[in-house]
Amino acid sequence: MTDIPFFSEKKPHKGDKLTFVLIFIPSFALLFPLALLGQLVGLHWKHWLPGAENMTNIYSGVKAAVYTFMSHII
């Protein structure tokens, strides 16, 4: 009997990287100034962005929020 895997291994398309960059960069560019403004004013900006609650710095918080956002749209 042949062993058939449950999940087929599919290789990412060449356009997937471009699609990722075209979503990640604008999202990061929109959320980073929002978080930076919140940081400068002294507000709790981590509660505004999903996925950023447990991050230690602004860069990793915005990055986590963008990845969370991307997981919802893909």
PDB file of N, CA and C in Angstrom:
ATOM      1  N   MET A   1       0.841  -1.165   0.000  1.00  0.00           N
ATOM      2  CA  MET A   1       0.000   0.000   0.000  1.00  0.00           C
ATOM      3  C   MET A   1       0.894   1.238   0.000  1.00  0.00           C
ATOM      4  N   THR A   2       0.538   2.212  -0.780  1.00  0.00           N
ATOM      5  CA  THR A   2       1.348   3.430  -0.846  1.00  0.00           C
ATOM      6  C   THR A   2       0.960   4.384   0.265  1.00  0.00           C
ATOM      7  N   ASP A   3       1.931   5.115   0.708  1.00  0.00           N
ATOM      8  CA  ASP A   3       1.713   6.086   1.770  1.00  0.00           C
ATOM      9  C   ASP A   3       1.354   7.431   1.137  1.00  0.00           C
ATOM     10  N   ILE A   4       0.128   7.861   1.336  1.00  0.00           N
ATOM     11  CA  ILE A   4      -0.335   9.121   0.778  1.00  0.00           C
ATOM     12  C   ILE A   4      -0.394  10.141   1.906  1.00  0.00           C
ATOM     13  N   PRO A   5       0.371  11.221   1.781  1.00  0.00           N
ATOM     14  CA  PRO A   5       0.346  12.234   2.844  1.00  0.00           C
ATOM     15  C   PRO A   5      -0.987  12.976   2.863  1.00  0.00           C
ATOM     16  N   PHE A   6      -1.403  13.346   4.060  1.00  0.00           N
ATOM     17  CA  PHE A   6      -2.669  14.066   4.207  1.00  0.00           C
ATOM     18  C   PHE A   6      -2.578  15.462   3.622  1.00  0.00           C
ATOM     19  N   PHE A   7      -1.475  16.139   3.888  1.00  0.00           N
ATOM     20  CA  PHE A   7      -1.263  17.482   3.348  1.00  0.00           C
ATOM     21  C   PHE A   7      -0.315  17.389   2.169  1.00  0.00           C
ATOM     22  N   SER A   8      -0.733  17.934   1.061  1.00  0.00           N
ATOM     23  CA  SER A   8       0.164  17.939  -0.088  1.00  0.00           C
ATOM     24  C   SER A   8       1.191  19.058   0.088  1.00  0.00           C
ATOM     25  N   GLU A   9       2.406  18.743  -0.260  1.00  0.00           N
ATOM     26  CA  GLU A   9       3.462  19.744  -0.158  1.00  0.00           C
ATOM     27  C   GLU A   9       3.420  20.588  -1.419  1.00  0.00           C
ATOM     28  N   LYS A  10       3.074  21.840  -1.249  1.00  0.00           N
ATOM     29  CA  LYS A  10       3.092  22.698  -2.418  1.00  0.00           C
ATOM     30  C   LYS A  10       4.161  23.756  -2.230  1.00  0.00           C
ATOM     31  N   LYS A  11       4.882  23.973  -3.264  1.00  0.00           N
ATOM     32  CA  LYS A  11       5.964  24.936  -3.215  1.00  0.00           C
ATOM     33  C   LYS A  11       5.387  26.323  -3.453  1.00  0.00           C
ATOM     34  N   PRO A  12       5.927  27.318  -2.775  1.00  0.00           N
ATOM     35  CA  PRO A  12       5.414  28.673  -2.979  1.00  0.00           C
ATOM     36  C   PRO A  12       5.710  29.165  -4.393  1.00  0.00           C
ATOM     37  N   HIS A  13       4.781  29.914  -4.911  1.00  0.00           N
ATOM     38  CA  HIS A  13       4.957  30.488  -6.231  1.00  0.00           C
ATOM     39  C   HIS A  13       5.934  31.646  -6.157  1.00  0.00           C
ATOM     40  N   LYS A  14       6.522  31.980  -7.284  1.00  0.00           N
ATOM     41  CA  LYS A  14       7.474  33.089  -7.306  1.00  0.00           C
ATOM     42  C   LYS A  14       6.792  34.408  -6.976  1.00  0.00           C
ATOM     43  N   GLY A  15       5.521  34.555  -7.322  1.00  0.00           N
ATOM     44  CA  GLY A  15       4.798  35.787  -7.048  1.00  0.00           C
ATOM     45  C   GLY A  15       4.375  35.938  -5.604  1.00  0.00           C
ATOM     46  N   ASP A  16       4.492  34.862  -4.800  1.00  0.00           N
ATOM     47  CA  ASP A  16       4.089  34.931  -3.395  1.00  0.00           C
ATOM     48  C   ASP A  16       4.947  35.910  -2.606  1.00  0.00           C
ATOM     49  N   LYS A  17       6.239  35.963  -2.904  1.00  0.00           N
ATOM     50  CA  LYS A  17       7.121  36.877  -2.189  1.00  0.00           C
ATOM     51  C   LYS A  17       6.756  38.320  -2.524  1.00  0.00           C
ATOM     52  N   LEU A  18       6.472  38.579  -3.784  1.00  0.00           N
ATOM     53  CA  LEU A  18       6.077  39.923  -4.186  1.00  0.00           C
ATOM     54  C   LEU A  18       4.758  40.310  -3.539  1.00  0.00           C
ATOM     55  N   THR A  19       3.815  39.397  -3.492  1.00  0.00           N
ATOM     56  CA  THR A  19       2.530  39.657  -2.855  1.00  0.00           C
ATOM     57  C   THR A  19       2.712  39.942  -1.369  1.00  0.00           C
ATOM     58  N   PHE A  20       3.560  39.166  -0.721  1.00  0.00           N
ATOM     59  CA  PHE A  20       3.853  39.376   0.701  1.00  0.00           C
ATOM     60  C   PHE A  20       4.416  40.779   0.932  1.00  0.00           C
ATOM     61  N   VAL A  21       5.383  41.172   0.108  1.00  0.00           N
ATOM     62  CA  VAL A  21       6.014  42.486   0.259  1.00  0.00           C
ATOM     63  C   VAL A  21       5.007  43.599  -0.023  1.00  0.00           C
ATOM     64  N   LEU A  22       4.146  43.418  -1.031  1.00  0.00           N
ATOM     65  CA  LEU A  22       3.168  44.448  -1.385  1.00  0.00           C
ATOM     66  C   LEU A  22       2.088  44.618  -0.316  1.00  0.00           C
ATOM     67  N   ILE A  23       1.915  43.629   0.540  1.00  0.00           N
ATOM     68  CA  ILE A  23       0.966  43.760   1.646  1.00  0.00           C
ATOM     69  C   ILE A  23       1.689  44.215   2.913  1.00  0.00           C
ATOM     70  N   PHE A  24       2.864  43.644   3.185  1.00  0.00           N
ATOM     71  CA  PHE A  24       3.572  43.918   4.426  1.00  0.00           C
ATOM     72  C   PHE A  24       4.054  45.365   4.518  1.00  0.00           C
ATOM     73  N   ILE A  25       4.711  45.850   3.480  1.00  0.00           N
ATOM     74  CA  ILE A  25       5.319  47.189   3.530  1.00  0.00           C
ATOM     75  C   ILE A  25       4.274  48.292   3.715  1.00  0.00           C
ATOM     76  N   PRO A  26       3.185  48.345   2.926  1.00  0.00           N
ATOM     77  CA  PRO A  26       2.198  49.413   3.175  1.00  0.00           C
ATOM     78  C   PRO A  26       1.519  49.296   4.541  1.00  0.00           C
ATOM     79  N   SER A  27       1.261  48.067   4.979  1.00  0.00           N
ATOM     80  CA  SER A  27       0.640  47.883   6.292  1.00  0.00           C
ATOM     81  C   SER A  27       1.570  48.371   7.397  1.00  0.00           C
ATOM     82  N   PHE A  28       2.842  48.035   7.285  1.00  0.00           N
ATOM     83  CA  PHE A  28       3.819  48.480   8.270  1.00  0.00           C
ATOM     84  C   PHE A  28       3.942  50.003   8.232  1.00  0.00           C
ATOM     85  N   ALA A  29       3.925  50.566   7.016  1.00  0.00           N
ATOM     86  CA  ALA A  29       4.055  52.021   6.866  1.00  0.00           C
ATOM     87  C   ALA A  29       2.849  52.760   7.446  1.00  0.00           C
ATOM     88  N   LEU A  30       1.702  52.138   7.504  1.00  0.00           N
ATOM     89  CA  LEU A  30       0.519  52.765   8.098  1.00  0.00           C
ATOM     90  C   LEU A  30       0.480  52.601   9.620  1.00  0.00           C
ATOM     91  N   LEU A  31       0.857  51.433  10.097  1.00  0.00           N
ATOM     92  CA  LEU A  31       0.756  51.161  11.526  1.00  0.00           C
ATOM     93  C   LEU A  31       1.919  51.725  12.339  1.00  0.00           C
ATOM     94  N   PHE A  32       3.105  51.820  11.748  1.00  0.00           N
ATOM     95  CA  PHE A  32       4.258  52.312  12.504  1.00  0.00           C
ATOM     96  C   PHE A  32       4.080  53.763  12.955  1.00  0.00           C
ATOM     97  N   PRO A  33       3.653  54.688  12.081  1.00  0.00           N
ATOM     98  CA  PRO A  33       3.441  56.059  12.582  1.00  0.00           C
ATOM     99  C   PRO A  33       2.351  56.140  13.650  1.00  0.00           C
ATOM    100  N   LEU A  34       1.337  55.309  13.536  1.00  0.00           N
ATOM    101  CA  LEU A  34       0.286  55.275  14.550  1.00  0.00           C
ATOM    102  C   LEU A  34       0.864  54.850  15.903  1.00  0.00           C
ATOM    103  N   ALA A  35       1.663  53.791  15.890  1.00  0.00           N
ATOM    104  CA  ALA A  35       2.286  53.325  17.132  1.00  0.00           C
ATOM    105  C   ALA A  35       3.308  54.332  17.651  1.00  0.00           C
ATOM    106  N   LEU A  36       4.060  54.942  16.753  1.00  0.00           N
ATOM    107  CA  LEU A  36       5.048  55.940  17.168  1.00  0.00           C
ATOM    108  C   LEU A  36       4.374  57.155  17.793  1.00  0.00           C
ATOM    109  N   LEU A  37       3.284  57.602  17.212  1.00  0.00           N
ATOM    110  CA  LEU A  37       2.536  58.716  17.779  1.00  0.00           C
ATOM    111  C   LEU A  37       2.002  58.360  19.166  1.00  0.00           C
ATOM    112  N   GLY A  38       1.452  57.147  19.292  1.00  0.00           N
ATOM    113  CA  GLY A  38       0.972  56.695  20.597  1.00  0.00           C
ATOM    114  C   GLY A  38       2.084  56.622  21.622  1.00  0.00           C
ATOM    115  N   GLN A  39       3.260  56.180  21.185  1.00  0.00           N
ATOM    116  CA  GLN A  39       4.420  56.092  22.087  1.00  0.00           C
ATOM    117  C   GLN A  39       4.860  57.487  22.541  1.00  0.00           C
ATOM    118  N   LEU A  40       4.898  58.421  21.603  1.00  0.00           N
ATOM    119  CA  LEU A  40       5.349  59.778  21.933  1.00  0.00           C
ATOM    120  C   LEU A  40       4.369  60.515  22.836  1.00  0.00           C
ATOM    121  N   VAL A  41       3.078  60.262  22.632  1.00  0.00           N
ATOM    122  CA  VAL A  41       2.054  60.934  23.441  1.00  0.00           C
ATOM    123  C   VAL A  41       1.917  60.271  24.805  1.00  0.00           C
ATOM    124  N   GLY A  42       2.338  59.021  24.900  1.00  0.00           N
ATOM    125  CA  GLY A  42       2.266  58.323  26.179  1.00  0.00           C
ATOM    126  C   GLY A  42       1.024  57.454  26.323  1.00  0.00           C
ATOM    127  N   LEU A  43       0.403  57.101  25.206  1.00  0.00           N
ATOM    128  CA  LEU A  43      -0.790  56.248  25.247  1.00  0.00           C
ATOM    129  C   LEU A  43      -0.386  54.777  25.163  1.00  0.00           C
ATOM    130  N   HIS A  44      -1.290  53.910  25.529  1.00  0.00           N
ATOM    131  CA  HIS A  44      -1.045  52.470  25.469  1.00  0.00           C
ATOM    132  C   HIS A  44      -1.406  51.975  24.080  1.00  0.00           C
ATOM    133  N   TRP A  45      -0.520  52.171  23.125  1.00  0.00           N
ATOM    134  CA  TRP A  45      -0.782  51.852  21.729  1.00  0.00           C
ATOM    135  C   TRP A  45      -0.813  50.349  21.460  1.00  0.00           C
ATOM    136  N   LYS A  46      -0.237  49.552  22.318  1.00  0.00           N
ATOM    137  CA  LYS A  46      -0.206  48.102  22.092  1.00  0.00           C
ATOM    138  C   LYS A  46      -1.602  47.494  22.124  1.00  0.00           C
ATOM    139  N   HIS A  47      -2.522  48.128  22.815  1.00  0.00           N
ATOM    140  CA  HIS A  47      -3.893  47.627  22.859  1.00  0.00           C
ATOM    141  C   HIS A  47      -4.647  47.941  21.575  1.00  0.00           C
ATOM    142  N   TRP A  48      -4.164  48.885  20.805  1.00  0.00           N
ATOM    143  CA  TRP A  48      -4.808  49.243  19.543  1.00  0.00           C
ATOM    144  C   TRP A  48      -4.515  48.231  18.445  1.00  0.00           C
ATOM    145  N   LEU A  49      -3.352  47.588  18.507  1.00  0.00           N
ATOM    146  CA  LEU A  49      -2.905  46.699  17.442  1.00  0.00           C
ATOM    147  C   LEU A  49      -2.986  45.243  17.891  1.00  0.00           C
ATOM    148  N   PRO A  50      -3.745  44.428  17.197  1.00  0.00           N
ATOM    149  CA  PRO A  50      -3.834  43.016  17.587  1.00  0.00           C
ATOM    150  C   PRO A  50      -2.504  42.299  17.363  1.00  0.00           C
ATOM    151  N   GLY A  51      -2.085  41.531  18.328  1.00  0.00           N
ATOM    152  CA  GLY A  51      -0.843  40.786  18.236  1.00  0.00           C
ATOM    153  C   GLY A  51       0.342  41.501  18.855  1.00  0.00           C
ATOM    154  N   ALA A  52       0.202  42.770  19.183  1.00  0.00           N
ATOM    155  CA  ALA A  52       1.322  43.549  19.706  1.00  0.00           C
ATOM    156  C   ALA A  52       1.320  43.645  21.221  1.00  0.00           C
ATOM    157  N   GLU A  53       0.396  43.007  21.876  1.00  0.00           N
ATOM    158  CA  GLU A  53       0.220  43.191  23.313  1.00  0.00           C
ATOM    159  C   GLU A  53       1.435  42.788  24.134  1.00  0.00           C
ATOM    160  N   ASN A  54       2.124  41.721  23.757  1.00  0.00           N
ATOM    161  CA  ASN A  54       3.220  41.202  24.582  1.00  0.00           C
ATOM    162  C   ASN A  54       4.603  41.555  24.056  1.00  0.00           C
ATOM    163  N   MET A  55       4.693  42.438  23.092  1.00  0.00           N
ATOM    164  CA  MET A  55       5.979  42.782  22.510  1.00  0.00           C
ATOM    165  C   MET A  55       6.687  43.846  23.351  1.00  0.00           C
ATOM    166  N   THR A  56       8.012  43.820  23.307  1.00  0.00           N
ATOM    167  CA  THR A  56       8.790  44.698  24.165  1.00  0.00           C
ATOM    168  C   THR A  56       9.126  46.042  23.535  1.00  0.00           C
ATOM    169  N   ASN A  57       9.243  46.106  22.212  1.00  0.00           N
ATOM    170  CA  ASN A  57       9.565  47.384  21.590  1.00  0.00           C
ATOM    171  C   ASN A  57       8.587  47.700  20.457  1.00  0.00           C
ATOM    172  N   ILE A  58       8.679  48.884  19.927  1.00  0.00           N
ATOM    173  CA  ILE A  58       7.713  49.357  18.948  1.00  0.00           C
ATOM    174  C   ILE A  58       7.845  48.602  17.622  1.00  0.00           C
ATOM    175  N   TYR A  59       9.066  48.305  17.203  1.00  0.00           N
ATOM    176  CA  TYR A  59       9.272  47.608  15.932  1.00  0.00           C
ATOM    177  C   TYR A  59       8.659  46.210  15.960  1.00  0.00           C
ATOM    178  N   SER A  60       8.956  45.441  16.990  1.00  0.00           N
ATOM    179  CA  SER A  60       8.419  44.076  17.061  1.00  0.00           C
ATOM    180  C   SER A  60       6.909  44.085  17.274  1.00  0.00           C
ATOM    181  N   GLY A  61       6.389  45.091  17.964  1.00  0.00           N
ATOM    182  CA  GLY A  61       4.944  45.192  18.150  1.00  0.00           C
ATOM    183  C   GLY A  61       4.214  45.463  16.854  1.00  0.00           C
ATOM    184  N   VAL A  62       4.741  46.381  16.060  1.00  0.00           N
ATOM    185  CA  VAL A  62       4.112  46.686  14.769  1.00  0.00           C
ATOM    186  C   VAL A  62       4.273  45.504  13.817  1.00  0.00           C
ATOM    187  N   LYS A  63       5.414  44.860  13.840  1.00  0.00           N
ATOM    188  CA  LYS A  63       5.643  43.691  12.988  1.00  0.00           C
ATOM    189  C   LYS A  63       4.661  42.575  13.333  1.00  0.00           C
ATOM    190  N   ALA A  64       4.446  42.320  14.604  1.00  0.00           N
ATOM    191  CA  ALA A  64       3.490  41.296  15.032  1.00  0.00           C
ATOM    192  C   ALA A  64       2.070  41.677  14.623  1.00  0.00           C
ATOM    193  N   ALA A  65       1.735  42.950  14.718  1.00  0.00           N
ATOM    194  CA  ALA A  65       0.404  43.406  14.329  1.00  0.00           C
ATOM    195  C   ALA A  65       0.186  43.241  12.833  1.00  0.00           C
ATOM    196  N   VAL A  66       1.209  43.521  12.036  1.00  0.00           N
ATOM    197  CA  VAL A  66       1.085  43.362  10.582  1.00  0.00           C
ATOM    198  C   VAL A  66       0.921  41.892  10.230  1.00  0.00           C
ATOM    199  N   TYR A  67       1.691  41.018  10.862  1.00  0.00           N
ATOM    200  CA  TYR A  67       1.538  39.579  10.605  1.00  0.00           C
ATOM    201  C   TYR A  67       0.149  39.090  11.016  1.00  0.00           C
ATOM    202  N   THR A  68      -0.375  39.598  12.117  1.00  0.00           N
ATOM    203  CA  THR A  68      -1.724  39.226  12.543  1.00  0.00           C
ATOM    204  C   THR A  68      -2.748  39.712  11.527  1.00  0.00           C
ATOM    205  N   PHE A  69      -2.584  40.941  11.067  1.00  0.00           N
ATOM    206  CA  PHE A  69      -3.464  41.507  10.041  1.00  0.00           C
ATOM    207  C   PHE A  69      -3.406  40.674   8.759  1.00  0.00           C
ATOM    208  N   MET A  70      -2.203  40.301   8.350  1.00  0.00           N
ATOM    209  CA  MET A  70      -2.037  39.525   7.117  1.00  0.00           C
ATOM    210  C   MET A  70      -2.651  38.142   7.237  1.00  0.00           C
ATOM    211  N   SER A  71      -2.611  37.551   8.405  1.00  0.00           N
ATOM    212  CA  SER A  71      -3.201  36.219   8.561  1.00  0.00           C
ATOM    213  C   SER A  71      -4.718  36.249   8.416  1.00  0.00           C
ATOM    214  N   HIS A  72      -5.316  37.403   8.662  1.00  0.00           N
ATOM    215  CA  HIS A  72      -6.759  37.532   8.501  1.00  0.00           C
ATOM    216  C   HIS A  72      -7.186  37.761   7.054  1.00  0.00           C
ATOM    217  N   ILE A  73      -6.330  38.360   6.248  1.00  0.00           N
ATOM    218  CA  ILE A  73      -6.720  38.652   4.878  1.00  0.00           C
ATOM    219  C   ILE A  73      -6.291  37.585   3.885  1.00  0.00           C
ATOM    220  N   ILE A  74      -5.382  36.713   4.282  1.00  0.00           N
ATOM    221  CA  ILE A  74      -4.918  35.672   3.341  1.00  0.00           C
ATOM    222  C   ILE A  74      -5.670  34.396   3.557  1.00  0.00           C
TER     223      ILE A  74
END
